[in-house]
Protein backbone atom coordinates (compact mmCIF):
# COMPACT_ATOMS: atom_id res chain seq x y z
CA MET A 1 0.00 0.00 0.00
CA CYS A 2 1.15 3.60 0.51
CA ARG A 3 1.31 6.50 2.92
CA LEU A 4 -0.01 9.96 2.08
CA TYR A 5 -0.03 13.49 3.47
CA GLY A 6 -2.27 16.46 2.60
CA PHE A 7 -1.83 20.00 3.92
CA ARG A 8 -3.82 23.25 3.60
CA ALA A 9 -3.08 26.59 5.26
CA ASN A 10 -4.07 30.22 4.78
CA GLU A 11 -0.41 31.35 4.66
CA PRO A 12 2.69 29.83 3.06
CA THR A 13 4.08 27.23 5.45
CA LYS A 14 7.20 25.10 5.59
CA VAL A 15 6.39 21.38 5.90
CA GLU A 16 9.93 19.97 6.06
CA CYS A 17 9.62 18.79 9.66
CA SER A 18 6.39 16.90 8.95
CA LEU A 19 7.94 15.20 5.93
CA VAL A 20 11.48 14.61 7.21
CA HIS A 21 12.18 15.30 10.89
CA ALA A 22 9.05 14.65 12.96
CA GLN A 23 8.58 11.68 15.29
CA ASN A 24 6.66 9.82 12.59
CA ALA A 25 7.61 11.88 9.53
CA LEU A 26 6.59 10.63 6.11
CA MET A 27 10.22 9.71 5.45
CA ARG A 28 10.23 7.51 8.55
CA GLN A 29 6.99 5.86 7.38
CA SER A 30 8.60 5.10 4.03
CA LYS A 31 11.07 2.86 5.85
CA SER A 32 8.63 1.36 8.34
CA ASP A 33 5.07 2.40 9.13
CA SER A 34 3.08 1.65 12.29
CA LYS A 35 2.61 -1.95 11.13
CA GLY A 36 6.27 -2.40 10.18
CA GLU A 37 5.56 -2.21 6.44
CA SER A 38 7.98 -0.48 4.06
CA HIS A 39 6.86 2.04 1.42
CA SER A 40 10.01 2.21 -0.65
CA ASP A 41 8.74 2.18 -4.25
CA GLY A 42 8.94 5.90 -4.93
CA TRP A 43 8.02 9.27 -3.47
CA GLY A 44 6.43 12.50 -4.63
CA ILE A 45 5.81 15.97 -3.24
CA GLY A 46 3.37 18.34 -4.92
CA CYS A 47 2.74 21.97 -3.96
CA TYR A 48 1.31 25.05 -5.63
CA ASP A 49 3.06 27.94 -7.33
CA GLY A 50 0.06 30.09 -8.18
CA ASP A 51 -2.82 28.07 -9.62
CA ARG A 52 -0.73 25.17 -10.91
CA PRO A 53 1.02 22.48 -8.89
CA ALA A 54 4.73 21.78 -9.08
CA ILE A 55 5.75 18.19 -8.39
CA GLU A 56 9.03 16.47 -7.58
CA LYS A 57 9.07 12.69 -7.89
CA ARG A 58 11.58 9.89 -7.67
CA GLU A 59 11.11 6.14 -8.05
CA LEU A 60 13.45 5.52 -5.10
CA ALA A 61 12.77 5.03 -1.40
CA ALA A 62 12.31 8.35 0.40
CA TRP A 63 14.23 7.15 3.44
CA GLU A 64 17.38 6.46 1.45
CA ASP A 65 17.13 9.23 -1.17
CA LEU A 66 18.82 12.52 -0.26
CA HIS A 67 16.65 14.27 -2.84
CA PHE A 68 13.54 13.70 -0.69
CA GLY A 69 14.87 15.82 2.16
CA ALA A 70 16.14 18.47 -0.24
CA ALA A 71 12.77 18.64 -2.00
CA ALA A 72 10.90 18.87 1.32
CA GLU A 73 13.21 21.64 2.52
CA ARG A 74 12.33 23.82 -0.48
CA VAL A 75 8.56 23.70 0.03
CA TYR A 76 6.87 26.83 1.37
CA ALA A 77 3.24 26.57 0.33
CA ARG A 78 -0.40 26.85 1.33
CA THR A 79 -1.24 23.45 -0.17
CA VAL A 80 0.88 20.30 -0.26
CA ILE A 81 0.29 16.64 -1.13
CA ALA A 82 3.08 14.15 -0.46
CA HIS A 83 3.16 10.39 -0.95
CA VAL A 84 5.42 7.38 -0.41
CA ARG A 85 4.56 4.28 -2.40
CA ASN A 86 4.34 0.57 -1.72
CA ALA A 87 3.58 -0.74 -5.22
CA THR A 88 0.63 -3.11 -5.65
CA VAL A 89 -0.30 -2.37 -9.28
CA GLY A 90 2.43 -1.30 -11.70
CA GLY A 91 6.17 -1.27 -11.24
CA ALA A 92 8.34 1.17 -9.31
CA THR A 93 8.72 3.71 -12.10
CA ILE A 94 8.55 7.49 -12.20
CA GLU A 95 5.36 7.27 -14.31
CA ASN A 96 3.65 5.28 -11.55
CA THR A 97 4.73 7.56 -8.72
CA HIS A 98 2.17 9.75 -6.93
CA PRO A 99 0.88 12.42 -6.76
CA PHE A 100 -0.67 12.72 -10.20
CA SER A 101 -1.68 16.07 -11.64
CA HIS A 102 -3.89 17.58 -14.32
CA GLY A 103 -4.22 21.33 -14.69
CA ARG A 104 -4.85 22.69 -11.21
CA TRP A 105 -5.64 19.28 -9.69
CA LEU A 106 -3.45 17.00 -7.55
CA PHE A 107 -4.37 13.45 -6.54
CA ALA A 108 -2.86 10.61 -4.52
CA HIS A 109 -4.14 7.19 -3.47
CA ASN A 110 -3.44 4.81 -0.60
CA GLY A 111 -4.88 1.39 -1.36
CA THR A 112 -5.82 -0.70 -4.39
CA VAL A 113 -8.76 -0.76 -6.81
CA ARG A 114 -9.68 -4.44 -6.98
CA PRO A 115 -10.03 -6.48 -9.16
CA LEU A 116 -8.48 -4.14 -11.70
CA ASP A 117 -8.37 -6.76 -14.46
CA LYS A 118 -12.19 -6.88 -14.34
CA LEU A 119 -12.79 -3.16 -13.74
CA ARG A 120 -10.19 -1.57 -16.02
CA GLU A 121 -12.13 -1.73 -19.29
CA ARG A 122 -15.22 -0.04 -17.87
CA LEU A 123 -13.16 2.64 -16.13
CA GLU A 124 -11.38 3.38 -19.40
CA GLU A 125 -14.68 3.54 -21.29
CA GLU A 126 -16.05 6.03 -18.76
CA THR A 127 -12.93 8.23 -18.92
CA GLU A 128 -12.82 11.04 -21.48
CA SER A 129 -10.47 10.15 -24.32
CA GLU A 130 -8.55 13.41 -23.93
CA LEU A 131 -7.87 12.62 -20.29
CA LEU A 132 -7.14 8.95 -20.88
CA ALA A 133 -4.50 9.94 -23.44
CA ARG A 134 -2.60 11.73 -20.68
CA ARG A 135 -2.03 8.53 -18.73
CA ARG A 136 1.67 7.66 -18.58
CA GLY A 137 1.83 4.73 -16.18
CA ASP A 138 -0.10 1.52 -15.58
CA THR A 139 -1.42 1.94 -12.04
CA ASP A 140 -4.98 1.65 -10.83
CA SER A 141 -4.45 5.00 -9.11
CA GLU A 142 -3.64 7.09 -12.18
CA LEU A 143 -6.53 5.55 -14.12
CA THR A 144 -8.84 6.28 -11.19
CA PHE A 145 -7.68 9.91 -11.15
CA TYR A 146 -8.60 10.50 -14.80
CA TRP A 147 -11.85 8.56 -14.35
CA LEU A 148 -12.64 10.79 -11.38
CA LEU A 149 -11.89 13.97 -13.35
CA SER A 150 -14.24 12.74 -16.09
CA ARG A 151 -17.00 12.24 -13.52
CA MET A 152 -16.34 15.71 -12.17
CA ARG A 153 -16.74 17.25 -15.63
CA ALA A 154 -19.94 15.29 -16.14
CA ALA A 155 -21.20 16.75 -12.86
CA GLY A 156 -20.56 20.28 -14.13
CA VAL A 157 -17.14 21.00 -12.60
CA ASP A 158 -14.93 23.20 -14.79
CA LEU A 159 -11.52 21.61 -14.20
CA ASP A 160 -9.76 24.88 -15.06
CA GLN A 161 -11.73 27.08 -12.67
CA LYS A 162 -12.47 27.21 -8.95
CA THR A 163 -16.00 25.94 -9.38
CA ALA A 164 -16.24 23.02 -6.96
CA SER A 165 -16.91 23.77 -3.30
CA ALA A 166 -15.52 21.59 -0.53
CA GLU A 167 -18.99 20.12 -0.09
CA GLU A 168 -19.12 19.26 -3.79
CA LEU A 169 -15.66 17.68 -3.68
CA ALA A 170 -16.71 15.60 -0.70
CA ALA A 171 -19.87 14.48 -2.50
CA ILE A 172 -17.85 13.59 -5.60
CA LEU A 173 -15.48 11.41 -3.56
CA VAL A 174 -18.39 9.79 -1.72
CA ARG A 175 -20.01 8.79 -5.02
CA ALA A 176 -16.71 7.61 -6.52
CA VAL A 177 -15.80 5.45 -3.53
CA THR A 178 -19.32 4.02 -3.35
CA THR A 179 -19.26 3.17 -7.06
CA LEU A 180 -15.81 1.56 -7.02
CA ASP A 181 -16.55 -0.43 -3.88
CA GLU A 182 -19.84 -1.73 -5.30
CA ARG A 183 -18.18 -2.72 -8.58
CA SER A 184 -15.41 -4.48 -6.69
CA ARG A 185 -17.95 -6.47 -4.68
CA VAL A 186 -20.02 -7.38 -7.75
CA ALA A 187 -16.87 -8.47 -9.59
CA GLY A 188 -16.21 -10.97 -6.82
CA SER A 189 -12.91 -9.61 -5.59
CA GLU A 190 -11.30 -11.94 -3.07
CA ARG A 191 -9.97 -8.90 -1.20
CA PRO A 192 -11.95 -5.67 -0.77
CA ALA A 193 -11.01 -2.45 -2.55
CA MET A 194 -9.06 0.03 -0.45
CA LEU A 195 -9.87 3.57 -1.47
CA ASN A 196 -8.14 6.30 0.48
CA PHE A 197 -7.95 9.25 -1.94
CA VAL A 198 -6.75 12.81 -1.47
CA LEU A 199 -7.77 15.40 -4.06
CA THR A 200 -7.16 19.16 -4.21
CA ASP A 201 -7.35 22.10 -6.58
CA GLY A 202 -4.94 24.06 -4.39
CA VAL A 203 -7.74 25.91 -2.61
CA ARG A 204 -9.98 23.12 -1.36
CA LEU A 205 -8.98 19.60 -0.35
CA ALA A 206 -10.92 16.39 0.24
CA ALA A 207 -9.72 12.99 1.42
CA SER A 208 -11.57 9.70 1.72
CA ARG A 209 -10.97 6.94 4.23
CA HIS A 210 -12.07 3.52 3.01
CA ARG A 211 -10.36 0.50 4.62
CA ARG A 212 -7.01 2.23 5.20
CA THR A 213 -6.00 4.45 8.11
CA LEU A 214 -6.48 8.24 7.94
CA TRP A 215 -6.03 10.96 10.56
CA TRP A 216 -6.60 14.71 10.58
CA LEU A 217 -5.45 17.73 12.54
CA GLU A 218 -6.47 21.39 12.76
CA ARG A 219 -3.99 24.12 13.76
CA GLU A 220 -4.82 27.64 14.88
CA GLY A 221 -2.38 30.43 15.65
CA VAL A 222 1.37 30.65 15.21
CA HIS A 223 3.37 28.28 17.43
CA ASP A 224 6.94 27.12 17.60
CA CYS A 225 7.44 23.74 15.93
CA GLU A 226 7.81 20.95 18.51
CA ILE A 227 10.60 19.47 16.39
CA CYS A 228 12.87 22.39 15.47
CA GLY A 229 11.61 25.03 17.91
CA ILE A 230 10.69 27.75 15.42
CA PRO A 231 7.47 28.62 13.57
CA HIS A 232 7.32 27.55 9.93
CA ILE A 233 5.05 30.30 8.64
CA ARG A 234 5.59 33.41 6.57
CA HIS A 235 3.19 35.18 8.87
CA ASP A 236 1.19 38.34 8.28
CA PRO A 237 0.24 39.65 11.76
CA SER A 238 -3.07 40.90 10.38
CA VAL A 239 -4.07 37.29 9.54
CA GLU A 240 -5.17 34.64 12.02
CA TYR A 241 -3.15 31.62 10.94
CA ARG A 242 -5.07 28.41 10.31
CA ALA A 243 -4.10 25.06 8.84
CA ALA A 244 -5.54 21.57 8.42
CA VAL A 245 -3.67 18.34 7.78
CA VAL A 246 -4.67 14.82 6.75
CA ALA A 247 -2.24 11.90 6.90
CA SER A 248 -2.23 8.12 6.87
CA GLU A 249 -0.71 8.14 10.36
CA PRO A 250 -0.25 10.80 13.06
CA ILE A 251 3.05 12.52 12.32
CA THR A 252 3.64 14.59 15.46
CA ASN A 253 2.60 14.50 19.13
CA GLU A 254 -0.26 16.92 18.44
CA ALA A 255 -3.91 16.05 19.05
CA TRP A 256 -4.62 14.13 15.84
CA ARG A 257 -8.11 12.75 15.34
CA GLU A 258 -8.90 9.54 13.50
CA VAL A 259 -11.14 9.95 10.46
CA PRO A 260 -13.96 7.38 10.76
CA ASP A 261 -13.67 4.57 8.26
CA GLY A 262 -16.19 5.05 5.47
CA SER A 263 -16.09 8.84 5.42
CA VAL A 264 -14.63 11.86 3.66
CA VAL A 265 -12.94 14.82 5.33
CA ALA A 266 -13.13 18.07 3.34
CA ILE A 267 -11.35 21.40 3.89
CA ASP A 268 -12.83 24.54 2.36
CA GLU A 269 -11.15 27.76 1.23
CA ASP A 270 -11.57 29.27 4.71
CA LEU A 271 -9.92 26.24 6.35
CA ARG A 272 -13.19 24.99 7.78
CA THR A 273 -13.21 21.19 8.04
CA MET A 274 -16.18 18.87 7.65
CA VAL A 275 -16.56 15.08 7.79
CA VAL A 276 -19.11 13.37 5.53
CA THR A 277 -20.18 9.71 5.75
CA ILE A 278 -19.82 7.59 2.61
């Protein structure tokens, strides 16, 4: 499987400690997560420069790749998605490494769409040809991303504009997870689909929990980092700093809350957080 991290704040924030130095930083999880599993089949960090995400990816293990720490150190952003991969579908290649992007959208997946051999053809048929042509790898995750974007367009979302609210993103993920889970069950999969997704347009973010772990955290006010002892924010004193984080596992000693299995957590443009049942 994989481990993922999603971050939203109302001011540019440095996330290096969460990704590299914290008690359970994403880099540490890439070597060994809470169950002792390794996620060494590639890493990716995506953040926003204006309306479009910039992504750094490598097909190597984050815990043994110096480029991971260097990439994390450079990030100062309001929105970040990071991912370390344990390959289940598709080899450990740069094309198969998360997060995936299209226009203003970033997407990452923890889990597996099962049974892909029985579901792939229908997913491809339901994906717009222009989007399907952008696929570069052979993972279930990348195909699901373009399938999801096609469903969003069909629901009236302009992929190039800020037209989907956090509530709409949550509803879109609820319907997608419900559909994929039902198809997996009907196809007679021996193991259930695992569908933890994180999706953002850089302004709003939504993440589903479906048979994999997911936690979330809200931060208010400027505080010194418990790891390095300094705040990580380019702070405007006239702004009340707020941030929200989702992650496969708690990363720090802060008061993380477990997202209920079978639900979606959504973060709106004002950093308000809501949890919706699938």
